[in-house]
Amino acid sequence: MKVLINGKVKEIPEGLNLDQLLRHFSLPSQRIAIEMNTSVVRRKDWEDVIVNDSDKIEIIHFVGGG
C-alpha cells in the first residue's frame, strides 16, 4: 500500500502500526514525533495506531545542539 511520508510517496506492507513503521524504515524511536493526517500521535499510542492506505504521515526528528 502507499502512504505519504514527509511529502514522499512510500510503499509499505499492510497492517503496520506506527512503531513498526519506524522499524521498517530503520528509524530510531528516540527524539521523534509523529503526525498522522494532521493530528499528533502520542508515543504511547504508536503500537495501537495502524497505518492505512493513503495516510499522510510526518516524522519529525528532534536534534540537540548548542
N, C-alpha and C. Protein backbone atom coordinates (compact mmCIF):
# COMPACT_ATOMS: atom_id res chain seq x y z
N MET A 1 0.85 -1.18 0.00
CA MET A 1 0.00 0.00 0.00
C MET A 1 0.88 1.23 0.00
N LYS A 2 0.33 2.36 -0.38
CA LYS A 2 1.11 3.59 -0.50
C LYS A 2 0.65 4.61 0.54
N VAL A 3 1.65 5.24 1.16
CA VAL A 3 1.39 6.32 2.12
C VAL A 3 2.31 7.48 1.78
N LEU A 4 1.97 8.64 2.27
CA LEU A 4 2.80 9.82 2.07
C LEU A 4 3.55 10.09 3.36
N ILE A 5 4.88 9.97 3.31
CA ILE A 5 5.71 10.19 4.49
C ILE A 5 6.64 11.36 4.20
N ASN A 6 6.50 12.39 5.00
CA ASN A 6 7.31 13.61 4.84
C ASN A 6 7.30 14.09 3.39
N GLY A 7 6.12 14.04 2.79
CA GLY A 7 5.94 14.58 1.45
C GLY A 7 6.32 13.65 0.31
N LYS A 8 6.75 12.41 0.62
CA LYS A 8 7.15 11.47 -0.42
C LYS A 8 6.28 10.22 -0.35
N VAL A 9 5.86 9.73 -1.50
CA VAL A 9 5.06 8.50 -1.56
C VAL A 9 5.98 7.32 -1.27
N LYS A 10 5.57 6.49 -0.31
CA LYS A 10 6.34 5.29 0.06
C LYS A 10 5.43 4.08 0.00
N GLU A 11 5.98 2.97 -0.44
CA GLU A 11 5.28 1.69 -0.47
C GLU A 11 5.63 0.94 0.81
N ILE A 12 4.59 0.51 1.55
CA ILE A 12 4.82 -0.23 2.80
C ILE A 12 3.89 -1.45 2.85
N PRO A 13 4.26 -2.44 3.67
CA PRO A 13 3.37 -3.59 3.84
C PRO A 13 2.09 -3.18 4.58
N GLU A 14 1.02 -3.90 4.35
CA GLU A 14 -0.23 -3.62 5.05
C GLU A 14 -0.15 -4.06 6.51
N GLY A 15 -0.93 -3.39 7.35
CA GLY A 15 -1.09 -3.81 8.74
C GLY A 15 -0.04 -3.31 9.71
N LEU A 16 0.85 -2.41 9.27
CA LEU A 16 1.86 -1.89 10.18
C LEU A 16 1.26 -0.87 11.13
N ASN A 17 1.71 -0.90 12.39
CA ASN A 17 1.38 0.20 13.28
C ASN A 17 2.52 1.22 13.19
N LEU A 18 2.40 2.34 13.88
CA LEU A 18 3.41 3.40 13.75
C LEU A 18 4.78 2.96 14.27
N ASP A 19 4.80 2.18 15.34
CA ASP A 19 6.06 1.68 15.87
C ASP A 19 6.76 0.78 14.84
N GLN A 20 6.00 -0.10 14.21
CA GLN A 20 6.55 -0.98 13.17
C GLN A 20 6.98 -0.20 11.94
N LEU A 21 6.27 0.88 11.63
CA LEU A 21 6.63 1.73 10.50
C LEU A 21 8.03 2.31 10.70
N LEU A 22 8.31 2.79 11.91
CA LEU A 22 9.65 3.32 12.20
C LEU A 22 10.71 2.24 12.01
N ARG A 23 10.44 1.05 12.51
CA ARG A 23 11.40 -0.06 12.35
C ARG A 23 11.56 -0.45 10.89
N HIS A 24 10.46 -0.42 10.13
CA HIS A 24 10.51 -0.76 8.70
C HIS A 24 11.50 0.13 7.95
N PHE A 25 11.55 1.40 8.32
CA PHE A 25 12.47 2.34 7.67
C PHE A 25 13.74 2.56 8.48
N SER A 26 13.99 1.71 9.48
CA SER A 26 15.20 1.77 10.33
C SER A 26 15.38 3.13 10.97
N LEU A 27 14.28 3.71 11.44
CA LEU A 27 14.34 4.99 12.12
C LEU A 27 14.34 4.78 13.63
N PRO A 28 15.15 5.54 14.35
CA PRO A 28 15.14 5.41 15.82
C PRO A 28 13.84 5.99 16.38
N SER A 29 13.38 5.44 17.49
CA SER A 29 12.14 5.95 18.08
C SER A 29 12.42 7.05 19.10
N GLN A 30 13.67 7.27 19.45
CA GLN A 30 14.04 8.34 20.37
C GLN A 30 14.01 9.68 19.65
N ARG A 31 13.57 10.69 20.36
CA ARG A 31 13.54 12.06 19.82
C ARG A 31 12.77 12.19 18.51
N ILE A 32 11.64 11.51 18.44
CA ILE A 32 10.81 11.51 17.23
C ILE A 32 9.39 11.92 17.63
N ALA A 33 8.76 12.70 16.79
CA ALA A 33 7.34 12.99 16.92
C ALA A 33 6.68 12.57 15.61
N ILE A 34 5.45 12.05 15.72
CA ILE A 34 4.74 11.61 14.53
C ILE A 34 3.39 12.32 14.44
N GLU A 35 3.16 12.89 13.26
CA GLU A 35 1.85 13.47 12.95
C GLU A 35 1.24 12.61 11.86
N MET A 36 -0.01 12.23 12.06
CA MET A 36 -0.69 11.39 11.08
C MET A 36 -2.01 12.04 10.72
N ASN A 37 -2.16 12.36 9.44
CA ASN A 37 -3.38 13.00 8.95
C ASN A 37 -3.72 14.26 9.76
N THR A 38 -2.72 15.09 9.97
CA THR A 38 -2.78 16.40 10.64
C THR A 38 -2.99 16.34 12.16
N SER A 39 -2.89 15.15 12.76
CA SER A 39 -3.00 15.05 14.22
C SER A 39 -1.75 14.42 14.79
N VAL A 40 -1.22 15.00 15.86
CA VAL A 40 -0.05 14.44 16.52
C VAL A 40 -0.48 13.17 17.26
N VAL A 41 0.31 12.12 17.10
CA VAL A 41 0.02 10.84 17.76
C VAL A 41 0.98 10.70 18.94
N ARG A 42 0.42 10.49 20.13
CA ARG A 42 1.26 10.32 21.32
C ARG A 42 2.05 9.02 21.23
N ARG A 43 3.27 9.07 21.73
CA ARG A 43 4.18 7.91 21.68
C ARG A 43 3.52 6.66 22.27
N LYS A 44 2.78 6.82 23.35
CA LYS A 44 2.16 5.65 23.99
C LYS A 44 1.10 5.00 23.10
N ASP A 45 0.65 5.69 22.06
CA ASP A 45 -0.37 5.16 21.16
C ASP A 45 0.20 4.57 19.87
N TRP A 46 1.51 4.67 19.66
CA TRP A 46 2.12 4.21 18.41
C TRP A 46 1.81 2.75 18.10
N GLU A 47 1.80 1.89 19.11
CA GLU A 47 1.54 0.47 18.87
C GLU A 47 0.07 0.20 18.51
N ASP A 48 -0.82 1.11 18.87
CA ASP A 48 -2.25 0.91 18.64
C ASP A 48 -2.75 1.56 17.35
N VAL A 49 -1.95 2.44 16.75
CA VAL A 49 -2.40 3.16 15.55
C VAL A 49 -1.88 2.45 14.31
N ILE A 50 -2.83 1.91 13.53
CA ILE A 50 -2.50 1.18 12.31
C ILE A 50 -2.46 2.16 11.13
N VAL A 51 -1.43 2.01 10.31
CA VAL A 51 -1.28 2.85 9.12
C VAL A 51 -2.17 2.29 8.01
N ASN A 52 -2.92 3.17 7.37
CA ASN A 52 -3.82 2.79 6.29
C ASN A 52 -3.36 3.38 4.96
N ASP A 53 -3.84 2.80 3.88
CA ASP A 53 -3.50 3.29 2.55
C ASP A 53 -3.86 4.77 2.42
N SER A 54 -2.97 5.54 1.83
CA SER A 54 -3.13 6.98 1.58
C SER A 54 -3.01 7.86 2.81
N ASP A 55 -2.59 7.31 3.96
CA ASP A 55 -2.36 8.16 5.13
C ASP A 55 -1.23 9.14 4.84
N LYS A 56 -1.31 10.30 5.47
CA LYS A 56 -0.27 11.32 5.35
C LYS A 56 0.44 11.40 6.70
N ILE A 57 1.72 11.07 6.70
CA ILE A 57 2.48 10.97 7.94
C ILE A 57 3.69 11.91 7.87
N GLU A 58 3.89 12.64 8.94
CA GLU A 58 5.09 13.46 9.09
C GLU A 58 5.88 12.90 10.27
N ILE A 59 7.13 12.59 10.04
CA ILE A 59 8.02 12.09 11.09
C ILE A 59 9.06 13.17 11.34
N ILE A 60 9.06 13.70 12.56
CA ILE A 60 9.93 14.82 12.89
C ILE A 60 11.00 14.36 13.86
N HIS A 61 12.26 14.61 13.50
CA HIS A 61 13.39 14.26 14.34
C HIS A 61 13.83 15.49 15.11
N PHE A 62 13.96 15.36 16.42
CA PHE A 62 14.46 16.46 17.22
C PHE A 62 15.96 16.30 17.37
N VAL A 63 16.68 17.39 17.16
CA VAL A 63 18.13 17.36 17.21
C VAL A 63 18.60 18.31 18.30
N GLY A 64 19.47 17.82 19.17
CA GLY A 64 20.03 18.68 20.21
C GLY A 64 21.25 19.39 19.69
N GLY A 65 21.61 20.40 20.36
CA GLY A 65 22.80 21.14 19.95
C GLY A 65 22.96 22.40 20.77
N GLY A 66 23.98 23.11 20.45
CA GLY A 66 24.19 24.32 21.22
C GLY A 66 25.09 25.29 20.53
